[in-house]
C-alpha atoms as a PDB file:
ATOM      1  CA  UNK A   1      -2.629   8.928  -1.064  1.00  0.00           C
ATOM      2  CA  UNK A   2       0.572   9.878  -2.815  1.00  0.00           C
ATOM      3  CA  UNK A   3       1.790   9.001  -6.305  1.00  0.00           C
ATOM      4  CA  UNK A   4       5.261   9.264  -7.752  1.00  0.00           C
ATOM      5  CA  UNK A   5       6.731   8.074 -11.016  1.00  0.00           C
ATOM      6  CA  UNK A   6       9.511   5.658 -10.130  1.00  0.00           C
ATOM      7  CA  UNK A   7      10.855   2.206 -10.759  1.00  0.00           C
ATOM      8  CA  UNK A   8       9.644  -0.293  -8.150  1.00  0.00           C
ATOM      9  CA  UNK A   9      12.886  -0.299  -6.081  1.00  0.00           C
ATOM     10  CA  UNK A  10      12.758   3.523  -5.750  1.00  0.00           C
ATOM     11  CA  UNK A  11       8.995   3.920  -5.236  1.00  0.00           C
ATOM     12  CA  UNK A  12       8.976   3.951  -1.431  1.00  0.00           C
ATOM     13  CA  UNK A  13      11.893   6.384  -1.130  1.00  0.00           C
ATOM     14  CA  UNK A  14      10.287   8.594  -3.806  1.00  0.00           C
ATOM     15  CA  UNK A  15       7.045   8.767  -1.839  1.00  0.00           C
ATOM     16  CA  UNK A  16       8.942   9.573   1.368  1.00  0.00           C
ATOM     17  CA  UNK A  17      10.817  12.367  -0.419  1.00  0.00           C
ATOM     18  CA  UNK A  18       7.595  13.774  -1.899  1.00  0.00           C
ATOM     19  CA  UNK A  19       5.790  13.801   1.438  1.00  0.00           C
ATOM     20  CA  UNK A  20       8.750  15.266   3.332  1.00  0.00           C
ATOM     21  CA  UNK A  21       9.160  18.025   0.733  1.00  0.00           C
ATOM     22  CA  UNK A  22       5.509  18.940   1.368  1.00  0.00           C
ATOM     23  CA  UNK A  23       5.783  19.194   5.150  1.00  0.00           C
ATOM     24  CA  UNK A  24       5.261  15.677   6.480  1.00  0.00           C
ATOM     25  CA  UNK A  25       7.975  15.097   9.060  1.00  0.00           C
ATOM     26  CA  UNK A  26       7.988  11.311   9.525  1.00  0.00           C
ATOM     27  CA  UNK A  27       5.653   9.736   6.970  1.00  0.00           C
ATOM     28  CA  UNK A  28       4.724   6.084   7.337  1.00  0.00           C
ATOM     29  CA  UNK A  29       3.687   4.073   4.309  1.00  0.00           C
ATOM     30  CA  UNK A  30       0.933   1.668   5.271  1.00  0.00           C
ATOM     31  CA  UNK A  31       0.376   0.177   1.838  1.00  0.00           C
ATOM     32  CA  UNK A  32       2.341   0.441  -1.387  1.00  0.00           C
ATOM     33  CA  UNK A  33       0.706  -0.378  -4.709  1.00  0.00           C
ATOM     34  CA  UNK A  34       2.427  -0.246  -8.071  1.00  0.00           C
ATOM     35  CA  UNK A  35       0.118   1.017 -10.835  1.00  0.00           C
ATOM     36  CA  UNK A  36      -0.125  -0.368 -14.328  1.00  0.00           C
ATOM     37  CA  UNK A  37       0.829   1.633 -17.363  1.00  0.00           C
ATOM     38  CA  UNK A  38      -1.223   3.050 -18.940  1.00  0.00           C
ATOM     39  CA  UNK A  39      -3.103   4.185 -15.826  1.00  0.00           C
ATOM     40  CA  UNK A  40      -6.906   3.984 -16.083  1.00  0.00           C
ATOM     41  CA  UNK A  41      -9.402   5.509 -13.658  1.00  0.00           C
ATOM     42  CA  UNK A  42     -12.861   7.066 -13.781  1.00  0.00           C
ATOM     43  CA  UNK A  43     -12.115   9.110 -10.645  1.00  0.00           C
ATOM     44  CA  UNK A  44     -11.095  12.665 -11.654  1.00  0.00           C
ATOM     45  CA  UNK A  45      -9.138  13.115  -8.396  1.00  0.00           C
ATOM     46  CA  UNK A  46      -7.093   9.984  -9.087  1.00  0.00           C
ATOM     47  CA  UNK A  47      -6.478  11.136 -12.675  1.00  0.00           C
ATOM     48  CA  UNK A  48      -5.292  14.566 -11.459  1.00  0.00           C
ATOM     49  CA  UNK A  49      -2.990  12.932  -8.900  1.00  0.00           C
ATOM     50  CA  UNK A  50      -1.575  10.654 -11.604  1.00  0.00           C
ATOM     51  CA  UNK A  51      -0.955  13.640 -13.908  1.00  0.00           C
ATOM     52  CA  UNK A  52       0.947  15.310 -11.063  1.00  0.00           C
ATOM     53  CA  UNK A  53       3.078  12.205 -10.686  1.00  0.00           C
ATOM     54  CA  UNK A  54       3.841  12.098 -14.406  1.00  0.00           C
ATOM     55  CA  UNK A  55       4.235  15.803 -15.191  1.00  0.00           C
ATOM     56  CA  UNK A  56       5.664  17.102 -11.924  1.00  0.00           C
ATOM     57  CA  UNK A  57       7.466  15.702  -8.875  1.00  0.00           C
ATOM     58  CA  UNK A  58       4.425  13.803  -7.657  1.00  0.00           C
ATOM     59  CA  UNK A  59       0.805  13.997  -6.685  1.00  0.00           C
ATOM     60  CA  UNK A  60      -0.803  14.047  -3.248  1.00  0.00           C
ATOM     61  CA  UNK A  61      -4.473  13.620  -2.340  1.00  0.00           C
ATOM     62  CA  UNK A  62      -5.668  13.741   1.274  1.00  0.00           C
ATOM     63  CA  UNK A  63      -8.910  11.847   1.890  1.00  0.00           C
ATOM     64  CA  UNK A  64     -10.938  12.279   5.076  1.00  0.00           C
ATOM     65  CA  UNK A  65     -12.055   8.629   4.980  1.00  0.00           C
ATOM     66  CA  UNK A  66      -9.926   5.537   4.305  1.00  0.00           C
ATOM     67  CA  UNK A  67      -9.677   4.448   0.676  1.00  0.00           C
ATOM     68  CA  UNK A  68     -11.484   1.166   0.104  1.00  0.00           C
ATOM     69  CA  UNK A  69      -9.719  -1.526  -1.947  1.00  0.00           C
ATOM     70  CA  UNK A  70     -11.576  -2.498  -5.098  1.00  0.00           C
END
């Protein structure tokens, strides 16, 4: 999962840029979800990723299992 702070039209290109700058050569986005502001989550990993997206260039979390939709 990757998070970037961007307007909707630039979200996909922002995620590609973030992943490529961290070593992914040809990233493929399987699902894109725009998050609401303010962002709410009880998952500390999601909160840390969101803080990275807001305070830095982006946040990346690598899960070993697929993320289930809720």
